[in-house]
Structure formats: structure tokens, C-alpha cells
Amino acid sequence: MRILVVDDDGNSLQSLCMVLRDLGHDPVGLQDPLLAVEEARKDFYPLVITDIRMPGMDGLSLLAFLKEEPELRRSDVVLITGHGDMVTAVEALRKGAYDYLSKPINARELAAVVDRSAEHQALLIENHALRNNLEREVSRATAGLREDLAQARHRLREVEGIGLIIAESPAMRDILGEALILHTDPSVPVLIEGETGTGKEIVARFIHYGEGTTDLPFLAINCAAIPHELFESELFGHEAGAFTGSRASGAPGKLEQAGRGTLFLDEVAEMPLALQPKLLRVLQDRAFFRVGGVKKRGFAARIVCAGNRDMGEMVENGSFRRDLYHRLRVGYIRIPPLRERPEDIRPLAEHFLRREAEKKRKKFTGIEPAALDALLRHSWPGNIREMENTIERAVLMHEGTLLRLDQLQFQGKEAARAAEAAPESGERPPSRPCGFPLPEDHLDLDAHIDDLIQAAVARFEGNKSKAAQYLGISRFTLLRRLQGRDKKKEH
């Protein structure tokens, strides 16, 4: 990331630029704030780090200039303050500064601030692209209004993660019917139970969007991924100074950010037991307090929870509160595993095959009977997610027009059964524990990591947030890796 550093102290300026280069960024250092103004006009810098006390123009004046210019106000401005400048730093935050650093500057704090700014700038870029796409779509809606509106709704549902919902089995049709009823009343909490990979979040999104679209937010939290000590702040938000390390201005939690939309609590069984009464109080009173706050805040969003464990059994053994469990079950949906709804297996497999063939530019158009029989006989312990991954791998690794049995690679005991059912004359791919052949002499690990990241971005059609979540890394790490790959190509 390009960073403009302004400090009239030459030694301090040189040290800052050296640390930023070591962190992988591209700093431009200037001692004269007036020259910095001209430099900012010539080229856009996502982040500007400036000292407060400088001759000719102080840091607050430079901040005011950047925030007044329409083309420059997107820059994040971080102020460097001395011990006597804390009041000035607070004033700067009120006037639009992104953050401040205290002298002497700690390298870890500097790295953390720069990383947060990079994440913020990445979000701004993505939001700008989304707005431009929306404007282009609206401009086309001049003829055939009804058809264009239907197409726009379909695209929006694809972006938000619903897309095509396949429900051939009677059980899934009943579930979608119940979801539409729950969609009409946001005050009713919903509990969705089902094994991993059955599509609980898809059903939660269907409850949120219904058969149309909405501008109201859909926020998802994986309760198992949040440390217990941070869970309350993540959910309820916190006031300024509520705890050590809290933001100086306070921060809203997911309950507040959800507005009048939907808050989806995935793996709700992992929610800390001490926090469960507070969630129950939110459901009953439709109000909450931030951590360290005294102001009651209204809550208007829908709460949808999901779990892949037997929560009834958890209630009996005391690991989940009975009163919260019964409150959540006002709207209750159980999604059966894929093995209990075989009517959905073929249409799901054909849908994934068409989608992956189009994304990977392959010629697959159908499934051979032997392969389809194996798909129907497989128990699918990983449910829809396992099927999606199985089809994706087959399309990635093979060529052809019809998907064959020997091109499918199942997991577990069913792998041996599928191999026994394969034609003897067919050439079977060798067994590989790691999923791909290892070269004899040398393995370029960095190249493989880059390829995996690129494949994940392609899988989620350019959505870098989903790709980063899928890979288990931060969005900033993913973006930095992609930028590094692009630089290698240039050289």
C-alpha cells in the first residue's frame, strides 16, 4: 500500500519509512507539509501519516485540507502525537482522522494501524465497485421492465449467497414453505437444526429475503469462531473505555449493525453459557445495552440461529439454557441430511456440474448412469457441501462431456465401494493421500499457495471476503498475496 509520511524531523521520518518498507508497503516521506499537499494532489495515497506539530502547516490543518478536497477525502489520516497532544488527538478524531499514534512510536502499533487502514481501503474499493455495478444495472432498466427486474433480483440473490435453491424432495418443499411464513414476521426467533453441510445458512437467507430482495442487512456470526472473552462486545458492542483495548469512540455490535434486517447466529450451541440469559433478554424486551453503557438501545432485527448438535440433549445435560432453547424454538426448522432426501441428489449434482463446467470452461453437460448411481448410493456424511466439493474436484481434474464414475473421488468407506463398481477396463486415477501428485525433485510451495488463493477467488466469483473466509485467512492477507502475485508477473 502506498503511504504518504509527513514529519519535519528527518530522523523520525527516515525511521518511519524504514519500518513501513519492512512491513511490505511503499512509503513516500516528506518533511515539508506544503509539499505533502502538492504530492497528495498529484497522486492518491490510501494512508497519510503525519506529525501534529510542524512549521508552516500543522497536522490538523493538513487533515482539514485532505477532508475538504472531494478527491482526497478517501485517504485515511493517522496523526503522530506527543504526550502533550492527546487533547489535540481527540479533536482530530472528531474531525475525521482515522487513528493516532503516540510518541515514541511502537512498531507493533504502527503495523496494526496500517493493517486496519488497508482493510478499510479494500472495503472502500469493493463498495465503490458495487455502487458502479448497481448504477450500470439501473441505467439498463428502460425497456422490458418486468424481465429486467426479474434478472436483477436473480443476480442479487446470487451475490448474497442464495442463488438457485433446489428442493425436489417433499421435506425441502415443506421447509421452504415454512421459511416463507417466518419471513413475514421478523419478531419471531428461528432455530434451524441440521448436520454440517445441509444448507442451514441458505435457509436462513431465504427466511431473510423470501422470494424477492431487500436492502436490509443480513449479518452472520459463527459463534464457534469468536473467543469467549470477546463474544459480548462482538454481539452487543461497547462504549468508550469499557475495557482495556476498546476503541476510544466505542463501537456498535452486531445487534446494532443488523438494524431492521437479520442477525444469523451460526453454531449457536457454542455461545458462552453466561451470555445466553442476555440474548434471551434481548428476545423478550427487544432492547439491549452496550458493554459499559447505560443507554438502552432498541432492537428490531430478526434473529435466526443454527446448530449442528443435538441441542435438546444439551439442554438436558445443562450445557444450554432451557428457557433460551424454548424461546428460539418458536420458529423451528430441522433440515434433514441429504441421505434422507434422495430426490434432491440428482438435481443438485446436475446443478453443481453445470455451474463448475461454466466457471472452469469445461465441456461437461451430463452424468453417466453408473456415476449417477454411485452418487445416489453414497451416504454423503458431509451433505451438500461434500457433494459440491466432489463435483468441483471432478470437473477441475478431468475432461469430457459426461461425468464418469472413475472421475468421482468419494471420502470414507464409500470410496472403496465406488472403486469396486467402476468398469474394469476403465483407467482409474492413482490413489493420492494429498489429492494431487507430488513432483519428484522440487515443489514450489509459494506457487501452489498462489494457485489455491486464485482458485478460491474464482470459486466465489471474485468475492474476496468469502474467499478469505473459506481459506481461513484475513481479507488483507489475501489481498496482499494477490498483489504480490501480480508484481511477480510484472517482473
Protein backbone atom coordinates (compact mmCIF):
# COMPACT_ATOMS: atom_id res chain seq x y z
CA MET A 1 0.00 0.00 0.00
CA ARG A 2 1.26 3.49 -0.86
CA ILE A 3 1.68 5.65 2.25
CA LEU A 4 2.47 9.37 2.47
CA VAL A 5 4.55 10.12 5.60
CA VAL A 6 4.91 13.76 6.71
CA ASP A 7 7.29 14.73 9.55
CA ASP A 8 9.61 17.73 9.80
CA ASP A 9 12.06 15.64 11.89
CA GLY A 10 14.32 13.96 9.34
CA ASN A 11 15.49 11.15 11.62
CA SER A 12 11.94 10.28 12.69
CA LEU A 13 10.79 10.40 9.06
CA GLN A 14 13.55 8.06 7.92
CA SER A 15 12.82 5.56 10.72
CA LEU A 16 9.10 5.51 9.94
CA CYS A 17 9.69 4.90 6.25
CA MET A 18 12.16 2.11 7.01
CA VAL A 19 9.67 0.26 9.24
CA LEU A 20 6.88 0.65 6.68
CA ARG A 21 9.11 -0.78 3.92
CA ASP A 22 9.95 -3.75 6.15
CA LEU A 23 6.20 -4.32 6.50
CA GLY A 24 5.89 -4.57 2.72
CA HIS A 25 4.46 -1.11 2.00
CA ASP A 26 5.58 1.73 -0.30
CA PRO A 27 6.14 4.88 1.79
CA VAL A 28 6.88 8.36 0.40
CA GLY A 29 8.42 10.63 3.06
CA LEU A 30 8.28 14.44 3.06
CA GLN A 31 9.46 16.92 5.70
CA ASP A 32 7.53 19.91 4.31
CA PRO A 33 3.72 19.67 4.82
CA LEU A 34 3.15 22.15 1.96
CA LEU A 35 4.99 19.81 -0.40
CA ALA A 36 2.88 16.98 1.00
CA VAL A 37 -0.25 18.90 -0.07
CA GLU A 38 1.05 19.12 -3.63
CA GLU A 39 2.04 15.44 -3.60
CA ALA A 40 -1.44 14.43 -2.38
CA ARG A 41 -2.98 16.42 -5.24
CA LYS A 42 -0.79 14.70 -7.83
CA ASP A 43 -1.32 11.12 -6.70
CA PHE A 44 -3.79 9.33 -4.41
CA TYR A 45 -2.40 7.87 -1.16
CA PRO A 46 -4.74 5.49 0.71
CA LEU A 47 -2.97 6.31 4.00
CA VAL A 48 -1.36 9.57 5.19
CA ILE A 49 0.70 9.51 8.42
CA THR A 50 1.54 12.98 9.68
CA ASP A 51 3.06 14.60 12.75
CA ILE A 52 0.84 17.15 14.55
CA ARG A 53 3.42 19.83 15.31
CA MET A 54 5.16 21.08 12.15
CA PRO A 55 6.19 24.54 10.92
CA GLY A 56 4.20 26.11 8.07
CA MET A 57 1.20 23.78 8.41
CA ASP A 58 0.40 21.58 11.39
CA GLY A 59 -1.14 18.13 11.24
CA LEU A 60 -4.68 19.35 11.98
CA SER A 61 -4.52 21.80 9.07
CA LEU A 62 -3.27 19.06 6.76
CA LEU A 63 -6.12 16.82 7.98
CA ALA A 64 -8.67 19.58 7.30
CA PHE A 65 -7.29 20.10 3.80
CA LEU A 66 -7.47 16.41 2.93
CA LYS A 67 -11.03 16.07 4.23
CA GLU A 68 -12.24 19.17 2.36
CA GLU A 69 -10.97 18.05 -1.06
CA PRO A 70 -13.51 15.67 -2.69
CA GLU A 71 -10.80 13.64 -4.44
CA LEU A 72 -8.66 13.29 -1.31
CA ARG A 73 -11.18 12.66 1.46
CA ARG A 74 -10.99 8.88 0.91
CA SER A 75 -7.47 8.86 2.36
CA ASP A 76 -7.13 7.59 5.92
CA VAL A 77 -5.20 10.09 8.06
CA VAL A 78 -3.20 8.92 11.11
CA LEU A 79 -1.72 11.59 13.40
CA ILE A 80 1.52 11.26 15.39
CA THR A 81 1.10 12.84 18.83
CA GLY A 82 3.38 13.69 21.72
CA HIS A 83 2.47 13.32 25.39
CA GLY A 84 1.08 16.85 25.48
CA ASP A 85 -1.04 16.49 22.35
CA MET A 86 -3.70 13.98 23.49
CA VAL A 87 -6.44 16.64 23.61
CA THR A 88 -5.49 17.65 20.09
CA ALA A 89 -5.56 13.99 19.00
CA VAL A 90 -9.09 13.56 20.32
CA GLU A 91 -10.12 16.70 18.45
CA ALA A 92 -8.53 15.28 15.29
CA LEU A 93 -10.56 12.05 15.60
CA ARG A 94 -13.71 14.11 15.80
CA LYS A 95 -12.70 15.94 12.63
CA GLY A 96 -12.26 12.76 10.64
CA ALA A 97 -8.82 11.33 11.45
CA TYR A 98 -8.67 7.55 11.11
CA ASP A 99 -6.47 6.99 14.20
CA TYR A 100 -3.45 8.35 16.07
CA LEU A 101 -0.07 7.05 17.25
CA SER A 102 1.73 8.23 20.38
CA LYS A 103 5.44 9.03 20.50
CA PRO A 104 7.67 7.13 20.78
CA ILE A 105 6.04 5.01 18.07
CA ASN A 106 5.75 1.29 18.79
CA ALA A 107 6.39 -0.81 15.65
CA ARG A 108 3.60 -3.27 16.51
CA GLU A 109 1.06 -0.49 16.99
CA LEU A 110 2.16 1.06 13.69
CA ALA A 111 1.75 -2.28 11.89
CA ALA A 112 -1.70 -2.80 13.41
CA VAL A 113 -2.91 0.66 12.38
CA VAL A 114 -1.59 0.23 8.82
CA ASP A 115 -3.24 -3.21 8.51
CA ARG A 116 -6.60 -1.81 9.68
CA SER A 117 -6.30 1.02 7.19
CA ALA A 118 -5.52 -1.45 4.39
CA GLU A 119 -8.65 -3.44 5.30
CA HIS A 120 -10.69 -0.22 5.35
CA GLN A 121 -9.37 0.87 1.96
CA ALA A 122 -10.09 -2.58 0.49
CA LEU A 123 -13.70 -2.29 1.68
CA LEU A 124 -14.00 1.19 0.16
CA ILE A 125 -12.74 -0.11 -3.19
CA GLU A 126 -15.17 -3.05 -3.16
CA ASN A 127 -18.10 -0.82 -2.16
CA HIS A 128 -17.21 1.64 -4.92
CA ALA A 129 -17.17 -1.20 -7.47
CA LEU A 130 -20.53 -2.47 -6.22
CA ARG A 131 -22.05 1.00 -6.50
CA ASN A 132 -20.77 1.36 -10.05
CA ASN A 133 -22.21 -2.03 -10.97
CA LEU A 134 -25.56 -1.08 -9.47
CA GLU A 135 -25.65 2.19 -11.41
CA ARG A 136 -24.96 0.37 -14.67
CA GLU A 137 -27.73 -2.11 -14.00
CA VAL A 138 -30.23 0.63 -13.16
CA SER A 139 -29.37 2.52 -16.37
CA ARG A 140 -30.31 -0.53 -18.44
CA ALA A 141 -33.77 -0.83 -16.90
CA THR A 142 -35.52 1.22 -19.60
CA ALA A 143 -37.13 -1.47 -21.76
CA GLY A 144 -38.73 -4.75 -20.75
CA LEU A 145 -39.03 -3.59 -17.14
CA ARG A 146 -40.56 -6.77 -15.81
CA GLU A 147 -37.94 -9.06 -17.37
CA ASP A 148 -35.05 -6.82 -16.30
CA LEU A 149 -36.36 -6.66 -12.74
CA ALA A 150 -36.55 -10.44 -12.54
CA GLN A 151 -32.96 -10.73 -13.81
CA ALA A 152 -31.72 -8.12 -11.33
CA ARG A 153 -33.38 -9.97 -8.48
CA HIS A 154 -31.77 -13.20 -9.58
CA ARG A 155 -28.31 -11.59 -9.72
CA LEU A 156 -28.73 -10.04 -6.29
CA ARG A 157 -29.71 -13.37 -4.76
CA GLU A 158 -26.63 -14.95 -6.37
CA VAL A 159 -24.36 -12.26 -4.87
CA GLU A 160 -25.92 -12.58 -1.42
CA GLY A 161 -25.40 -16.33 -1.36
CA ILE A 162 -28.91 -17.71 -2.03
CA GLY A 163 -28.87 -18.30 -5.77
CA LEU A 164 -30.84 -21.29 -7.03
CA ILE A 165 -32.50 -23.26 -4.23
CA ILE A 166 -33.08 -26.87 -5.27
CA ALA A 167 -35.93 -28.53 -3.43
CA GLU A 168 -37.33 -31.57 -5.24
CA SER A 169 -37.98 -33.61 -2.10
CA PRO A 170 -41.24 -33.12 -0.18
CA ALA A 171 -39.27 -32.40 3.02
CA MET A 172 -37.37 -29.49 1.47
CA ARG A 173 -40.52 -28.09 -0.16
CA ASP A 174 -42.20 -28.06 3.24
CA ILE A 175 -39.16 -26.33 4.76
CA LEU A 176 -39.20 -23.57 2.13
CA GLY A 177 -42.92 -23.10 2.71
CA GLU A 178 -42.31 -22.67 6.45
CA ALA A 179 -39.43 -20.28 5.73
CA LEU A 180 -41.72 -18.04 3.68
CA ILE A 181 -44.18 -17.89 6.59
CA LEU A 182 -41.37 -16.96 9.02
CA HIS A 183 -40.19 -14.31 6.54
CA THR A 184 -43.40 -12.33 7.11
CA ASP A 185 -42.80 -11.81 10.87
CA PRO A 186 -39.29 -10.59 11.85
CA SER A 187 -40.17 -10.62 15.56
CA VAL A 188 -40.28 -14.44 15.65
CA PRO A 189 -36.89 -16.01 16.51
CA VAL A 190 -35.94 -19.04 14.43
CA LEU A 191 -33.84 -22.11 15.27
CA ILE A 192 -32.53 -24.22 12.37
CA GLU A 193 -31.04 -27.60 13.22
CA GLY A 194 -29.26 -29.97 10.88
CA GLU A 195 -25.98 -31.72 10.18
CA THR A 196 -22.97 -29.85 8.85
CA GLY A 197 -23.33 -29.01 5.17
CA THR A 198 -27.12 -29.38 4.91
CA GLY A 199 -27.63 -25.72 3.94
CA LYS A 200 -28.69 -24.06 7.18
CA GLU A 201 -27.37 -20.64 6.16
CA ILE A 202 -29.10 -20.90 2.77
CA VAL A 203 -32.43 -21.46 4.55
CA ALA A 204 -31.62 -18.58 6.95
CA ARG A 205 -31.05 -16.29 3.96
CA PHE A 206 -34.29 -17.50 2.40
CA ILE A 207 -36.10 -16.52 5.60
CA HIS A 208 -34.47 -13.09 5.32
CA TYR A 209 -35.03 -12.46 1.58
CA GLY A 210 -38.16 -14.51 0.93
CA GLU A 211 -38.94 -14.79 -2.77
CA GLY A 212 -37.82 -11.23 -3.51
CA THR A 213 -34.95 -8.97 -2.48
CA THR A 214 -34.38 -6.47 0.30
CA ASP A 215 -31.92 -3.72 1.16
CA LEU A 216 -31.99 -4.72 4.84
CA PRO A 217 -28.71 -6.26 6.07
CA PHE A 218 -28.08 -9.95 6.68
CA LEU A 219 -25.26 -10.33 9.24
CA ALA A 220 -23.79 -13.72 10.09
CA ILE A 221 -21.75 -14.68 13.18
CA ASN A 222 -20.05 -18.03 13.67
CA CYS A 223 -20.32 -18.43 17.44
CA ALA A 224 -17.59 -21.09 17.49
CA ALA A 225 -15.06 -18.74 15.86
CA ILE A 226 -15.24 -15.92 18.44
CA PRO A 227 -13.18 -16.10 21.66
CA HIS A 228 -15.47 -16.18 24.69
CA GLU A 229 -13.91 -13.08 26.23
CA LEU A 230 -14.75 -11.05 23.08
CA PHE A 231 -18.18 -12.50 22.40
CA GLU A 232 -20.21 -10.00 24.43
CA SER A 233 -18.52 -6.99 22.83
CA GLU A 234 -18.90 -8.51 19.35
CA LEU A 235 -22.62 -9.05 19.89
CA PHE A 236 -23.63 -6.03 21.98
CA GLY A 237 -20.91 -3.51 21.11
CA HIS A 238 -19.14 -1.39 23.73
CA GLU A 239 -18.93 2.18 24.94
CA ALA A 240 -15.71 4.21 25.01
CA GLY A 241 -13.30 2.90 27.66
CA ALA A 242 -15.49 -0.08 28.53
CA PHE A 243 -12.45 -2.35 28.80
CA THR A 244 -8.73 -2.40 28.12
CA GLY A 245 -8.10 -2.20 24.39
CA SER A 246 -11.59 -0.94 23.50
CA ARG A 247 -11.94 1.69 20.79
CA ALA A 248 -11.72 5.26 22.04
CA SER A 249 -15.03 6.14 20.40
CA GLY A 250 -16.80 2.91 21.32
CA ALA A 251 -18.17 0.53 18.69
CA PRO A 252 -21.55 -0.93 17.75
CA GLY A 253 -22.07 -4.67 17.96
CA LYS A 254 -23.81 -7.00 15.53
CA LEU A 255 -27.18 -6.47 17.24
CA GLU A 256 -26.94 -2.77 16.41
CA GLN A 257 -25.48 -3.23 12.94
CA ALA A 258 -28.28 -5.59 11.93
CA GLY A 259 -30.75 -2.68 12.07
CA ARG A 260 -34.13 -3.98 10.88
CA GLY A 261 -32.54 -6.87 8.96
CA THR A 262 -31.48 -10.33 10.13
CA LEU A 263 -28.78 -11.50 12.55
CA PHE A 264 -27.73 -15.10 11.87
CA LEU A 265 -26.01 -16.88 14.78
CA ASP A 266 -24.39 -19.99 13.32
CA GLU A 267 -23.34 -22.78 15.72
CA VAL A 268 -25.34 -21.08 18.48
CA ALA A 269 -24.70 -24.09 20.73
CA GLU A 270 -21.15 -22.72 21.18
CA MET A 271 -22.39 -19.45 22.69
CA PRO A 272 -20.94 -18.94 26.20
CA LEU A 273 -23.41 -20.11 28.84
CA ALA A 274 -23.05 -16.85 30.80
CA LEU A 275 -24.12 -14.84 27.75
CA GLN A 276 -27.25 -16.85 26.96
CA PRO A 277 -29.51 -15.05 29.52
CA LYS A 278 -28.58 -11.72 27.93
CA LEU A 279 -29.59 -12.96 24.49
CA LEU A 280 -32.87 -14.22 25.99
CA ARG A 281 -33.45 -10.74 27.46
CA VAL A 282 -32.91 -9.19 24.02
CA LEU A 283 -35.51 -11.52 22.51
CA GLN A 284 -38.02 -10.73 25.25
CA ASP A 285 -37.50 -6.96 25.62
CA ARG A 286 -36.35 -6.19 22.03
CA ALA A 287 -33.70 -3.94 23.63
CA PHE A 288 -30.10 -4.20 24.88
CA PHE A 289 -27.20 -2.26 26.42
CA ARG A 290 -23.69 -1.93 25.04
CA VAL A 291 -20.89 -3.24 27.22
CA GLY A 292 -20.16 -0.49 29.74
CA GLY A 293 -23.22 1.50 28.63
CA VAL A 294 -26.29 2.81 30.44
CA LYS A 295 -28.37 3.78 27.41
CA LYS A 296 -31.00 1.23 26.39
CA ARG A 297 -30.99 0.65 22.64
CA GLY A 298 -33.91 -0.74 20.70
CA PHE A 299 -33.55 -3.95 18.71
CA ALA A 300 -35.72 -4.53 15.64
CA ALA A 301 -33.86 -7.22 13.68
CA ARG A 302 -34.83 -10.86 13.18
CA ILE A 303 -32.68 -13.46 14.95
CA VAL A 304 -32.06 -16.77 13.20
CA CYS A 305 -29.91 -19.38 14.97
CA ALA A 306 -28.45 -22.60 13.63
CA GLY A 307 -26.80 -25.61 15.22
CA ASN A 308 -25.39 -28.96 14.10
CA ARG A 309 -25.52 -30.55 17.57
CA ASP A 310 -28.45 -32.09 19.43
CA MET A 311 -29.48 -29.01 21.38
CA GLY A 312 -32.27 -30.84 23.16
CA GLU A 313 -29.66 -33.16 24.64
CA MET A 314 -27.50 -30.13 25.54
CA VAL A 315 -30.45 -28.67 27.45
CA GLU A 316 -30.85 -31.91 29.40
CA ASN A 317 -27.17 -32.04 30.39
CA GLY A 318 -27.12 -28.36 31.34
CA SER A 319 -24.79 -27.03 28.62
CA PHE A 320 -27.51 -24.87 27.02
CA ARG A 321 -30.20 -22.88 28.80
CA ARG A 322 -33.67 -24.42 28.65
CA ASP A 323 -35.52 -21.08 28.60
CA LEU A 324 -33.45 -19.74 25.68
CA TYR A 325 -33.82 -23.02 23.79
CA HIS A 326 -37.61 -22.95 24.01
CA ARG A 327 -37.69 -19.25 23.10
CA LEU A 328 -35.65 -19.93 19.97
CA ARG A 329 -37.90 -22.85 19.01
CA VAL A 330 -40.88 -20.56 18.38
CA GLY A 331 -39.83 -20.82 14.75
CA TYR A 332 -38.20 -24.26 14.40
CA ILE A 333 -36.85 -25.90 11.25
CA ARG A 334 -34.98 -29.20 11.03
CA ILE A 335 -33.14 -29.76 7.76
CA PRO A 336 -32.83 -33.49 7.05
CA PRO A 337 -29.45 -34.80 5.84
CA LEU A 338 -29.02 -35.39 2.13
CA ARG A 339 -29.21 -39.18 2.57
CA GLU A 340 -32.82 -38.77 3.81
CA ARG A 341 -33.92 -36.82 0.72
CA PRO A 342 -32.57 -38.73 -2.30
CA GLU A 343 -34.90 -36.80 -4.61
CA ASP A 344 -32.55 -33.82 -4.27
CA ILE A 345 -29.32 -35.67 -5.13
CA ARG A 346 -29.62 -35.76 -8.93
CA PRO A 347 -30.79 -32.15 -9.45
CA LEU A 348 -28.12 -30.91 -7.03
CA ALA A 349 -25.37 -32.87 -8.80
CA GLU A 350 -26.51 -31.63 -12.22
CA HIS A 351 -26.67 -28.06 -10.94
CA PHE A 352 -23.13 -28.20 -9.50
CA LEU A 353 -21.84 -29.84 -12.70
CA ARG A 354 -23.31 -27.11 -14.93
CA ARG A 355 -22.04 -24.36 -12.65
CA GLU A 356 -18.49 -25.70 -12.33
CA ALA A 357 -18.26 -26.54 -16.05
CA GLU A 358 -19.20 -22.95 -16.89
CA LYS A 359 -16.79 -21.45 -14.33
CA LYS A 360 -13.88 -23.68 -15.37
CA ARG A 361 -14.75 -23.60 -19.10
CA LYS A 362 -15.15 -27.35 -19.37
CA LYS A 363 -17.46 -29.29 -21.72
CA PHE A 364 -19.36 -31.40 -19.18
CA THR A 365 -23.09 -31.49 -19.94
CA GLY A 366 -24.37 -34.54 -18.04
CA ILE A 367 -23.68 -37.54 -15.79
CA GLU A 368 -23.27 -41.16 -16.91
CA PRO A 369 -25.76 -43.65 -15.37
CA ALA A 370 -23.04 -45.51 -13.42
CA ALA A 371 -21.78 -42.26 -11.90
CA LEU A 372 -25.31 -41.13 -11.08
CA ASP A 373 -25.99 -44.47 -9.39
CA ALA A 374 -22.86 -44.03 -7.26
CA LEU A 375 -23.99 -40.52 -6.29
CA LEU A 376 -27.38 -41.88 -5.25
CA ARG A 377 -25.84 -44.73 -3.22
CA HIS A 378 -23.29 -42.57 -1.42
CA SER A 379 -24.32 -41.68 2.16
CA TRP A 380 -22.96 -38.09 1.94
CA PRO A 381 -21.75 -37.63 5.53
CA GLY A 382 -20.74 -34.08 4.57
CA ASN A 383 -24.12 -33.49 2.88
CA ILE A 384 -24.49 -30.83 0.18
CA ARG A 385 -21.10 -29.28 0.89
CA GLU A 386 -19.40 -32.64 0.32
CA MET A 387 -21.28 -33.13 -2.96
CA GLU A 388 -20.36 -29.63 -4.13
CA ASN A 389 -16.67 -30.29 -3.41
CA THR A 390 -16.78 -33.72 -5.05
CA ILE A 391 -18.28 -32.38 -8.28
CA GLU A 392 -15.96 -29.36 -8.31
CA ARG A 393 -12.88 -31.56 -7.99
CA ALA A 394 -14.07 -33.92 -10.72
CA VAL A 395 -14.64 -31.04 -13.14
CA LEU A 396 -11.30 -29.45 -12.25
CA MET A 397 -9.22 -32.62 -12.68
CA HIS A 398 -10.88 -34.21 -15.73
CA GLU A 399 -12.15 -33.52 -19.23
CA GLY A 400 -15.14 -34.83 -21.17
CA THR A 401 -18.82 -34.27 -21.86
CA LEU A 402 -20.31 -36.85 -19.45
CA LEU A 403 -19.13 -37.21 -15.86
CA ARG A 404 -17.91 -40.79 -15.35
CA LEU A 405 -17.75 -42.95 -12.25
CA ASP A 406 -13.94 -43.20 -12.35
CA GLN A 407 -13.77 -39.39 -12.25
CA LEU A 408 -15.53 -39.23 -8.88
CA GLN A 409 -13.49 -39.40 -5.69
CA PHE A 410 -15.56 -40.10 -2.58
CA GLN A 411 -14.40 -39.93 1.02
CA GLY A 412 -14.60 -42.69 3.60
CA LYS A 413 -15.88 -46.23 3.12
CA GLU A 414 -17.92 -45.29 0.05
CA ALA A 415 -14.67 -44.64 -1.86
CA ALA A 416 -13.92 -48.37 -1.87
CA ARG A 417 -17.47 -49.21 -2.93
CA ALA A 418 -17.30 -46.75 -5.81
CA ALA A 419 -13.96 -48.22 -6.92
CA GLU A 420 -15.43 -51.74 -6.91
CA ALA A 421 -18.34 -50.55 -9.04
CA ALA A 422 -16.06 -48.92 -11.66
CA PRO A 423 -15.66 -50.78 -15.02
CA GLU A 424 -12.56 -52.98 -15.06
CA SER A 425 -11.47 -51.64 -18.43
CA GLY A 426 -11.57 -48.05 -17.26
CA GLU A 427 -8.36 -46.48 -16.16
CA ARG A 428 -8.60 -45.41 -12.53
CA PRO A 429 -6.65 -42.48 -11.18
CA PRO A 430 -3.94 -43.50 -8.69
CA SER A 431 -4.63 -43.05 -5.02
CA ARG A 432 -3.00 -39.86 -3.70
CA PRO A 433 -3.25 -39.05 0.03
CA CYS A 434 -2.78 -35.32 -0.54
CA GLY A 435 -5.16 -35.03 -3.51
CA PHE A 436 -2.54 -34.11 -6.17
CA PRO A 437 0.71 -35.67 -7.45
CA LEU A 438 3.92 -34.58 -5.76
CA PRO A 439 6.84 -33.84 -8.11
CA GLU A 440 9.94 -35.99 -7.80
CA ASP A 441 12.60 -33.28 -7.42
CA HIS A 442 11.16 -29.98 -6.24
CA LEU A 443 7.87 -28.49 -5.01
CA ASP A 444 7.28 -24.72 -5.41
CA LEU A 445 5.08 -24.22 -2.32
CA ASP A 446 4.58 -20.48 -2.92
CA ALA A 447 3.29 -21.13 -6.43
CA HIS A 448 0.84 -23.74 -5.13
CA ILE A 449 -0.40 -21.33 -2.43
CA ASP A 450 -0.92 -18.62 -5.07
CA ASP A 451 -2.84 -21.07 -7.26
CA LEU A 452 -5.03 -22.13 -4.33
CA ILE A 453 -5.83 -18.49 -3.47
CA GLN A 454 -6.65 -17.75 -7.12
CA ALA A 455 -8.89 -20.83 -7.28
CA ALA A 456 -10.73 -19.77 -4.11
CA VAL A 457 -11.35 -16.27 -5.51
CA ALA A 458 -12.63 -17.80 -8.75
CA ARG A 459 -14.85 -20.21 -6.84
CA PHE A 460 -16.61 -17.32 -5.12
CA GLU A 461 -16.78 -15.34 -8.39
CA GLY A 462 -14.39 -12.62 -7.24
CA ASN A 463 -15.84 -12.18 -3.74
CA LYS A 464 -12.61 -11.79 -1.80
CA SER A 465 -14.31 -11.71 1.62
CA LYS A 466 -15.88 -15.14 1.06
CA ALA A 467 -12.65 -16.48 -0.45
CA ALA A 468 -10.66 -15.31 2.60
CA GLN A 469 -13.20 -16.85 4.98
CA TYR A 470 -13.09 -20.13 3.01
CA LEU A 471 -9.27 -20.21 3.20
CA GLY A 472 -9.21 -19.25 6.89
CA ILE A 473 -7.17 -16.08 6.38
CA SER A 474 -7.91 -12.34 6.69
CA ARG A 475 -9.07 -10.31 3.70
CA PHE A 476 -5.94 -8.14 3.96
CA THR A 477 -3.66 -11.22 3.83
CA LEU A 478 -5.50 -12.45 0.74
CA LEU A 479 -5.27 -9.05 -0.98
CA ARG A 480 -1.57 -8.73 -0.14
CA ARG A 481 -0.91 -12.21 -1.54
CA LEU A 482 -2.77 -11.35 -4.78
CA GLN A 483 -0.82 -8.09 -5.11
CA GLY A 484 2.45 -9.96 -4.59
CA ARG A 485 1.50 -12.38 -7.34
CA ASP A 486 0.69 -9.54 -9.73
CA LYS A 487 4.07 -7.92 -9.02
CA LYS A 488 5.84 -11.22 -9.79
CA LYS A 489 4.06 -11.35 -13.15
CA GLU A 490 5.17 -7.80 -13.97
CA HIS A 491 8.81 -8.71 -13.34
